[in-house]
Structure formats: C-alpha cells, structure tokens
Amino acid sequence: MSLPKTRHSAAAPKTRRRAAAPEQRREQLIKATIKCIARKGLSSTTMADVTKTAKLSLGIVNLHFQSKEKLLVEVLRYIADEYKAGWDAIIRDETLEPAEKMLALINFDYSAEIAHPAKLAVWFAFWGESSSRPTYRKICNDADLQTTASVKKLCRELGCRSNRRAELIATGYTALADGLWLDILVTPEEMDRALARDVSLNYMASFFPDHFKAP
C-alpha cells in the first residue's frame, strides 16, 4: 500500500530544484561574461553588460560574485578548468598509447570547443593583463605548466632519451599552440583550426617520425 504524500515529501523536489539554481546561474553569468569580454574587452565590460547578455538582474550578479573583479577571476578559472579537465581525461585514458594521447591532445587543442574565437579572445585578454594582475598570471601560468609537463612526459614515453630534450620539445609545443591560437583569433582568413592542427602535427612528426606522419 502506498503511503500518503506528506507536506515534507511534496516539498522535497522543489528544494532540490532551488539548490541546483545557484550553480546554473553562476555558469549562465560566466558564459555571458565570456561573450561580453570577447566583444568589448576586459576593461570595457561592465556588470550591466553581463546582466543584459545573461538576461538577469544586477542583483543576481552581485549575489553570486559581489564585484566585477571576482566575476572576472571566476571566468578565467572556468576556462582554465575546462581546458585542464579535457587534458586530464586524455592523459589518464589507459586505453591510449603515448602517440595516440599526443594526437588526441592536438585534436583537443584545435577543437571547436577549445579554439572557439570567443574563448580565445577571453584567454588572450587575461594574458594581456597578467603582468599587473598576480591572480591572472598564476592561473595562466599554471595552465601552461600543466601543458608543458604533460607533453614532456609523453615525449619521454615516445623515446626521447633526455629530460632536457623532452622539455625543449614540450616548451616548443606550448609556444606553438599559443601562437596558433592567436593566429586563429586575429587572422582567421589565413589560419583556421584544421591548418593549426596540421602545423602542430607536423611539429611532432619532425621529432618523432616513427609515431607521427606529417600532413
């Protein structure tokens, strides 16, 4: 026999929906801020721009982030965490051989999700401010250090005999990716994601011809 619904049990689903709302609102505001920064830049983006783009009230933004600076830091962390999560998933995939992991990382770096013009614009906007903003600099540097460390480890697994050489190849890859992302953003008529992928693959093939085929 089924039990009658109590006032407590009937209210539970509403409580769960209310609990989920804050995280949904935060992500909604972060994504709106990404659009605003890509369109107007860091300094010109206002809280009013964000609320208008997100179609939310200014009070909601202040409730979740208190200030524009806190919102900007969370936007940068959001993009950095998204990138880190993608890399970690590939590196930890035990079904992939080292060369397959490197190829998957290259494909990920130039995927529509990562090499999206709006996200690239935001990433470089923060990099431009990082020299005077320690928080920005740390988040950006941590992302680059993770990329370099992961590629260096894969280079050793691919047969690179010295740590120094592996480090040079990995540092070169990171610098190359940064430059190609900037080209995709600034000169999309000359550099697209497919070409950037081929350039990166060609770079790895020059060091590991037994594992990678140049396009």
C-alpha atoms as a PDB file:
ATOM      1  CA  MET A   1       0.000   0.000   0.000  1.00  0.00           C
ATOM      2  CA  SER A   2       1.399   3.375  -0.946  1.00  0.00           C
ATOM      3  CA  LEU A   3       1.909   5.948   1.751  1.00  0.00           C
ATOM      4  CA  PRO A   4       0.082   9.277   1.541  1.00  0.00           C
ATOM      5  CA  LYS A   5       2.205  12.203   0.427  1.00  0.00           C
ATOM      6  CA  THR A   6       3.293  14.386   3.310  1.00  0.00           C
ATOM      7  CA  ARG A   7       3.955  18.092   3.174  1.00  0.00           C
ATOM      8  CA  HIS A   8       7.682  17.332   3.592  1.00  0.00           C
ATOM      9  CA  SER A   9       7.880  14.815   0.737  1.00  0.00           C
ATOM     10  CA  ALA A  10       5.930  17.065  -1.610  1.00  0.00           C
ATOM     11  CA  ALA A  11       8.269  19.962  -0.936  1.00  0.00           C
ATOM     12  CA  ALA A  12      11.468  17.964  -1.456  1.00  0.00           C
ATOM     13  CA  PRO A  13      11.618  18.212  -5.288  1.00  0.00           C
ATOM     14  CA  LYS A  14      11.221  21.992  -5.086  1.00  0.00           C
ATOM     15  CA  THR A  15      14.077  22.147  -2.576  1.00  0.00           C
ATOM     16  CA  ARG A  16      16.337  20.186  -4.897  1.00  0.00           C
ATOM     17  CA  ARG A  17      15.481  22.489  -7.805  1.00  0.00           C
ATOM     18  CA  ARG A  18      16.258  25.557  -5.724  1.00  0.00           C
ATOM     19  CA  ALA A  19      19.590  24.017  -4.646  1.00  0.00           C
ATOM     20  CA  ALA A  20      20.613  23.491  -8.280  1.00  0.00           C
ATOM     21  CA  ALA A  21      19.728  27.026  -9.323  1.00  0.00           C
ATOM     22  CA  PRO A  22      22.800  28.868  -7.898  1.00  0.00           C
ATOM     23  CA  GLU A  23      25.327  26.822  -9.911  1.00  0.00           C
ATOM     24  CA  GLN A  24      23.200  27.181 -13.040  1.00  0.00           C
ATOM     25  CA  ARG A  25      23.009  30.928 -12.527  1.00  0.00           C
ATOM     26  CA  ARG A  26      26.767  31.175 -11.966  1.00  0.00           C
ATOM     27  CA  GLU A  27      27.502  29.324 -15.185  1.00  0.00           C
ATOM     28  CA  GLN A  28      24.940  31.428 -17.032  1.00  0.00           C
ATOM     29  CA  LEU A  29      26.653  34.599 -15.826  1.00  0.00           C
ATOM     30  CA  ILE A  30      30.137  33.275 -16.625  1.00  0.00           C
ATOM     31  CA  LYS A  31      29.127  32.379 -20.179  1.00  0.00           C
ATOM     32  CA  ALA A  32      27.521  35.787 -20.609  1.00  0.00           C
ATOM     33  CA  THR A  33      30.722  37.428 -19.388  1.00  0.00           C
ATOM     34  CA  ILE A  34      32.763  35.441 -21.915  1.00  0.00           C
ATOM     35  CA  LYS A  35      30.577  36.843 -24.695  1.00  0.00           C
ATOM     36  CA  CYS A  36      30.934  40.379 -23.343  1.00  0.00           C
ATOM     37  CA  ILE A  37      34.729  40.204 -22.973  1.00  0.00           C
ATOM     38  CA  ALA A  38      35.081  38.768 -26.470  1.00  0.00           C
ATOM     39  CA  ARG A  39      33.016  41.666 -27.800  1.00  0.00           C
ATOM     40  CA  LYS A  40      34.231  44.579 -25.658  1.00  0.00           C
ATOM     41  CA  GLY A  41      37.414  43.539 -23.828  1.00  0.00           C
ATOM     42  CA  LEU A  42      38.100  43.266 -20.097  1.00  0.00           C
ATOM     43  CA  SER A  43      38.146  46.930 -19.133  1.00  0.00           C
ATOM     44  CA  SER A  44      35.079  47.907 -21.164  1.00  0.00           C
ATOM     45  CA  THR A  45      32.889  45.061 -19.949  1.00  0.00           C
ATOM     46  CA  THR A  46      30.535  46.198 -17.194  1.00  0.00           C
ATOM     47  CA  MET A  47      28.279  44.333 -14.809  1.00  0.00           C
ATOM     48  CA  ALA A  48      25.352  45.910 -16.656  1.00  0.00           C
ATOM     49  CA  ASP A  49      26.628  44.359 -19.921  1.00  0.00           C
ATOM     50  CA  VAL A  50      26.762  40.964 -18.270  1.00  0.00           C
ATOM     51  CA  THR A  51      23.266  41.158 -16.802  1.00  0.00           C
ATOM     52  CA  LYS A  52      21.833  42.324 -20.111  1.00  0.00           C
ATOM     53  CA  THR A  53      23.534  39.481 -22.002  1.00  0.00           C
ATOM     54  CA  ALA A  54      22.527  36.906 -19.388  1.00  0.00           C
ATOM     55  CA  LYS A  55      19.010  38.394 -19.157  1.00  0.00           C
ATOM     56  CA  LEU A  56      19.288  38.503 -15.381  1.00  0.00           C
ATOM     57  CA  SER A  57      19.095  41.262 -12.822  1.00  0.00           C
ATOM     58  CA  LEU A  58      22.098  43.153 -11.475  1.00  0.00           C
ATOM     59  CA  GLY A  59      21.187  41.869  -8.033  1.00  0.00           C
ATOM     60  CA  ILE A  60      21.756  38.283  -9.189  1.00  0.00           C
ATOM     61  CA  VAL A  61      25.286  39.122 -10.373  1.00  0.00           C
ATOM     62  CA  ASN A  62      26.112  40.882  -7.116  1.00  0.00           C
ATOM     63  CA  LEU A  63      24.685  37.962  -5.143  1.00  0.00           C
ATOM     64  CA  HIS A  64      26.957  35.423  -6.837  1.00  0.00           C
ATOM     65  CA  PHE A  65      30.139  37.432  -7.431  1.00  0.00           C
ATOM     66  CA  GLN A  66      29.954  40.636  -5.317  1.00  0.00           C
ATOM     67  CA  SER A  67      32.226  42.552  -7.704  1.00  0.00           C
ATOM     68  CA  LYS A  68      33.377  42.682 -11.311  1.00  0.00           C
ATOM     69  CA  GLU A  69      36.884  41.576 -10.337  1.00  0.00           C
ATOM     70  CA  LYS A  70      35.621  38.432  -8.599  1.00  0.00           C
ATOM     71  CA  LEU A  71      33.493  37.657 -11.629  1.00  0.00           C
ATOM     72  CA  LEU A  72      36.466  38.058 -13.970  1.00  0.00           C
ATOM     73  CA  VAL A  73      38.638  35.738 -11.878  1.00  0.00           C
ATOM     74  CA  GLU A  74      35.913  33.092 -11.952  1.00  0.00           C
ATOM     75  CA  VAL A  75      35.611  33.448 -15.731  1.00  0.00           C
ATOM     76  CA  LEU A  76      39.338  32.833 -16.144  1.00  0.00           C
ATOM     77  CA  ARG A  77      39.212  29.855 -13.789  1.00  0.00           C
ATOM     78  CA  TYR A  78      36.239  28.455 -15.698  1.00  0.00           C
ATOM     79  CA  ILE A  79      38.132  28.490 -18.999  1.00  0.00           C
ATOM     80  CA  ALA A  80      41.345  27.160 -17.420  1.00  0.00           C
ATOM     81  CA  ASP A  81      39.485  24.371 -15.589  1.00  0.00           C
ATOM     82  CA  GLU A  82      37.648  23.372 -18.751  1.00  0.00           C
ATOM     83  CA  TYR A  83      40.963  23.059 -20.573  1.00  0.00           C
ATOM     84  CA  LYS A  84      42.600  21.144 -17.710  1.00  0.00           C
ATOM     85  CA  ALA A  85      39.695  18.707 -17.493  1.00  0.00           C
ATOM     86  CA  GLY A  86      39.987  17.893 -21.190  1.00  0.00           C
ATOM     87  CA  TRP A  87      43.731  17.309 -20.992  1.00  0.00           C
ATOM     88  CA  ASP A  88      43.440  15.228 -17.817  1.00  0.00           C
ATOM     89  CA  ALA A  89      40.832  12.970 -19.389  1.00  0.00           C
ATOM     90  CA  ILE A  90      43.160  12.221 -22.309  1.00  0.00           C
ATOM     91  CA  ILE A  91      46.301  11.760 -20.206  1.00  0.00           C
ATOM     92  CA  ARG A  92      44.526   9.368 -17.835  1.00  0.00           C
ATOM     93  CA  ASP A  93      42.987   7.272 -20.590  1.00  0.00           C
ATOM     94  CA  GLU A  94      44.821   3.964 -20.167  1.00  0.00           C
ATOM     95  CA  THR A  95      43.431   2.588 -23.423  1.00  0.00           C
ATOM     96  CA  LEU A  96      45.578   5.033 -25.429  1.00  0.00           C
ATOM     97  CA  GLU A  97      49.248   4.622 -26.335  1.00  0.00           C
ATOM     98  CA  PRO A  98      51.550   7.668 -25.904  1.00  0.00           C
ATOM     99  CA  ALA A  99      51.362   8.613 -29.591  1.00  0.00           C
ATOM    100  CA  GLU A 100      47.572   8.286 -29.532  1.00  0.00           C
ATOM    101  CA  LYS A 101      47.414  10.520 -26.469  1.00  0.00           C
ATOM    102  CA  MET A 102      49.544  13.174 -28.150  1.00  0.00           C
ATOM    103  CA  LEU A 103      47.365  13.072 -31.242  1.00  0.00           C
ATOM    104  CA  ALA A 104      44.245  13.330 -29.070  1.00  0.00           C
ATOM    105  CA  LEU A 105      45.740  16.335 -27.282  1.00  0.00           C
ATOM    106  CA  ILE A 106      46.470  18.049 -30.591  1.00  0.00           C
ATOM    107  CA  ASN A 107      42.913  17.376 -31.764  1.00  0.00           C
ATOM    108  CA  PHE A 108      41.581  18.715 -28.464  1.00  0.00           C
ATOM    109  CA  ASP A 109      43.675  21.891 -28.668  1.00  0.00           C
ATOM    110  CA  TYR A 110      42.101  22.785 -32.016  1.00  0.00           C
ATOM    111  CA  SER A 111      38.607  21.508 -31.362  1.00  0.00           C
ATOM    112  CA  ALA A 112      35.635  23.823 -31.800  1.00  0.00           C
ATOM    113  CA  GLU A 113      35.130  23.761 -28.034  1.00  0.00           C
ATOM    114  CA  ILE A 114      38.634  24.984 -27.143  1.00  0.00           C
ATOM    115  CA  ALA A 115      39.710  27.044 -30.160  1.00  0.00           C
ATOM    116  CA  HIS A 116      36.461  28.983 -30.141  1.00  0.00           C
ATOM    117  CA  PRO A 117      37.000  32.655 -31.099  1.00  0.00           C
ATOM    118  CA  ALA A 118      35.186  33.975 -28.010  1.00  0.00           C
ATOM    119  CA  LYS A 119      37.169  31.799 -25.609  1.00  0.00           C
ATOM    120  CA  LEU A 120      40.442  32.621 -27.330  1.00  0.00           C
ATOM    121  CA  ALA A 121      39.631  36.320 -27.130  1.00  0.00           C
ATOM    122  CA  VAL A 122      38.997  35.988 -23.401  1.00  0.00           C
ATOM    123  CA  TRP A 123      42.153  33.941 -22.827  1.00  0.00           C
ATOM    124  CA  PHE A 124      44.380  36.497 -24.561  1.00  0.00           C
ATOM    125  CA  ALA A 125      42.579  39.382 -22.862  1.00  0.00           C
ATOM    126  CA  PHE A 126      43.547  37.947 -19.493  1.00  0.00           C
ATOM    127  CA  TRP A 127      47.090  37.215 -20.658  1.00  0.00           C
ATOM    128  CA  GLY A 128      47.385  40.861 -21.642  1.00  0.00           C
ATOM    129  CA  GLU A 129      46.563  41.887 -18.077  1.00  0.00           C
ATOM    130  CA  SER A 130      48.578  39.172 -16.342  1.00  0.00           C
ATOM    131  CA  SER A 131      51.765  41.231 -15.928  1.00  0.00           C
ATOM    132  CA  SER A 132      49.989  43.534 -13.472  1.00  0.00           C
ATOM    133  CA  ARG A 133      47.498  41.048 -12.012  1.00  0.00           C
ATOM    134  CA  PRO A 134      49.165  38.247  -9.990  1.00  0.00           C
ATOM    135  CA  THR A 135      45.961  36.208  -9.810  1.00  0.00           C
ATOM    136  CA  TYR A 136      45.551  36.228 -13.589  1.00  0.00           C
ATOM    137  CA  ARG A 137      49.230  35.422 -14.053  1.00  0.00           C
ATOM    138  CA  LYS A 138      49.098  32.415 -11.727  1.00  0.00           C
ATOM    139  CA  ILE A 139      46.054  30.881 -13.401  1.00  0.00           C
ATOM    140  CA  CYS A 140      47.519  31.387 -16.888  1.00  0.00           C
ATOM    141  CA  ASN A 141      50.961  30.122 -15.881  1.00  0.00           C
ATOM    142  CA  ASP A 142      49.529  27.042 -14.189  1.00  0.00           C
ATOM    143  CA  ALA A 143      47.712  26.121 -17.402  1.00  0.00           C
ATOM    144  CA  ASP A 144      50.907  26.447 -19.463  1.00  0.00           C
ATOM    145  CA  LEU A 145      52.954  24.500 -16.912  1.00  0.00           C
ATOM    146  CA  GLN A 146      50.458  21.651 -16.989  1.00  0.00           C
ATOM    147  CA  THR A 147      50.538  21.524 -20.783  1.00  0.00           C
ATOM    148  CA  THR A 148      54.330  21.519 -20.886  1.00  0.00           C
ATOM    149  CA  ALA A 149      54.636  18.853 -18.177  1.00  0.00           C
ATOM    150  CA  SER A 150      52.150  16.546 -19.913  1.00  0.00           C
ATOM    151  CA  VAL A 151      53.827  16.855 -23.316  1.00  0.00           C
ATOM    152  CA  LYS A 152      57.262  16.387 -21.752  1.00  0.00           C
ATOM    153  CA  LYS A 153      56.130  13.123 -20.140  1.00  0.00           C
ATOM    154  CA  LEU A 154      54.701  11.894 -23.441  1.00  0.00           C
ATOM    155  CA  CYS A 155      57.943  12.790 -25.230  1.00  0.00           C
ATOM    156  CA  ARG A 156      59.892  10.576 -22.833  1.00  0.00           C
ATOM    157  CA  GLU A 157      57.404   7.758 -23.416  1.00  0.00           C
ATOM    158  CA  LEU A 158      57.795   8.208 -27.167  1.00  0.00           C
ATOM    159  CA  GLY A 159      61.518   7.550 -26.880  1.00  0.00           C
ATOM    160  CA  CYS A 160      63.080  10.924 -26.117  1.00  0.00           C
ATOM    161  CA  ARG A 161      66.284   9.979 -24.294  1.00  0.00           C
ATOM    162  CA  SER A 162      66.956  13.082 -22.235  1.00  0.00           C
ATOM    163  CA  ASN A 163      64.807  15.200 -19.960  1.00  0.00           C
ATOM    164  CA  ARG A 164      66.327  18.344 -21.434  1.00  0.00           C
ATOM    165  CA  ARG A 165      65.357  17.459 -24.993  1.00  0.00           C
ATOM    166  CA  ALA A 166      61.871  16.414 -23.907  1.00  0.00           C
ATOM    167  CA  GLU A 167      61.496  19.722 -22.102  1.00  0.00           C
ATOM    168  CA  LEU A 168      62.589  21.682 -25.173  1.00  0.00           C
ATOM    169  CA  ILE A 169      60.115  19.849 -27.407  1.00  0.00           C
ATOM    170  CA  ALA A 170      57.304  20.327 -24.874  1.00  0.00           C
ATOM    171  CA  THR A 171      58.066  24.022 -24.381  1.00  0.00           C
ATOM    172  CA  GLY A 172      58.129  24.450 -28.140  1.00  0.00           C
ATOM    173  CA  TYR A 173      54.748  22.787 -28.466  1.00  0.00           C
ATOM    174  CA  THR A 174      53.210  25.072 -25.843  1.00  0.00           C
ATOM    175  CA  ALA A 175      54.621  28.185 -27.521  1.00  0.00           C
ATOM    176  CA  LEU A 176      53.459  26.923 -30.919  1.00  0.00           C
ATOM    177  CA  ALA A 177      49.926  26.302 -29.650  1.00  0.00           C
ATOM    178  CA  ASP A 178      49.748  29.785 -28.113  1.00  0.00           C
ATOM    179  CA  GLY A 179      50.896  31.335 -31.388  1.00  0.00           C
ATOM    180  CA  LEU A 180      48.469  29.313 -33.496  1.00  0.00           C
ATOM    181  CA  TRP A 181      45.569  30.190 -31.210  1.00  0.00           C
ATOM    182  CA  LEU A 182      46.457  33.849 -31.601  1.00  0.00           C
ATOM    183  CA  ASP A 183      46.575  33.465 -35.388  1.00  0.00           C
ATOM    184  CA  ILE A 184      43.160  31.760 -35.374  1.00  0.00           C
ATOM    185  CA  LEU A 185      41.794  34.700 -33.392  1.00  0.00           C
ATOM    186  CA  VAL A 186      43.489  37.580 -35.227  1.00  0.00           C
ATOM    187  CA  THR A 187      43.794  36.297 -38.808  1.00  0.00           C
ATOM    188  CA  PRO A 188      41.063  33.668 -39.267  1.00  0.00           C
ATOM    189  CA  GLU A 189      41.192  34.156 -43.037  1.00  0.00           C
ATOM    190  CA  GLU A 190      44.750  32.775 -43.011  1.00  0.00           C
ATOM    191  CA  MET A 191      44.701  30.339 -40.080  1.00  0.00           C
ATOM    192  CA  ASP A 192      41.856  28.016 -39.197  1.00  0.00           C
ATOM    193  CA  ARG A 193      41.604  25.127 -36.752  1.00  0.00           C
ATOM    194  CA  ALA A 194      42.355  22.453 -39.362  1.00  0.00           C
ATOM    195  CA  LEU A 195      45.531  24.175 -40.538  1.00  0.00           C
ATOM    196  CA  ALA A 196      46.651  24.793 -36.949  1.00  0.00           C
ATOM    197  CA  ARG A 197      46.184  21.093 -36.228  1.00  0.00           C
ATOM    198  CA  ASP A 198      48.315  20.172 -39.255  1.00  0.00           C
ATOM    199  CA  VAL A 199      51.066  22.591 -38.200  1.00  0.00           C
ATOM    200  CA  SER A 200      51.178  21.049 -34.729  1.00  0.00           C
ATOM    201  CA  LEU A 201      51.150  17.522 -36.102  1.00  0.00           C
ATOM    202  CA  ASN A 202      53.979  18.425 -38.456  1.00  0.00           C
ATOM    203  CA  TYR A 203      55.937  19.765 -35.475  1.00  0.00           C
ATOM    204  CA  MET A 204      55.625  16.476 -33.578  1.00  0.00           C
ATOM    205  CA  ALA A 205      56.395  14.458 -36.730  1.00  0.00           C
ATOM    206  CA  SER A 206      59.691  16.321 -37.105  1.00  0.00           C
ATOM    207  CA  PHE A 207      60.832  14.892 -33.757  1.00  0.00           C
ATOM    208  CA  PHE A 208      59.033  11.531 -33.797  1.00  0.00           C
ATOM    209  CA  PRO A 209      58.710  10.410 -37.444  1.00  0.00           C
ATOM    210  CA  ASP A 210      58.125   6.809 -36.384  1.00  0.00           C
ATOM    211  CA  HIS A 211      54.995   7.831 -34.472  1.00  0.00           C
ATOM    212  CA  PHE A 212      53.515  10.721 -36.449  1.00  0.00           C
ATOM    213  CA  LYS A 213      53.003  11.290 -40.141  1.00  0.00           C
ATOM    214  CA  ALA A 214      53.392  14.851 -41.386  1.00  0.00           C
ATOM    215  CA  PRO A 215      50.230  16.095 -43.146  1.00  0.00           C
END
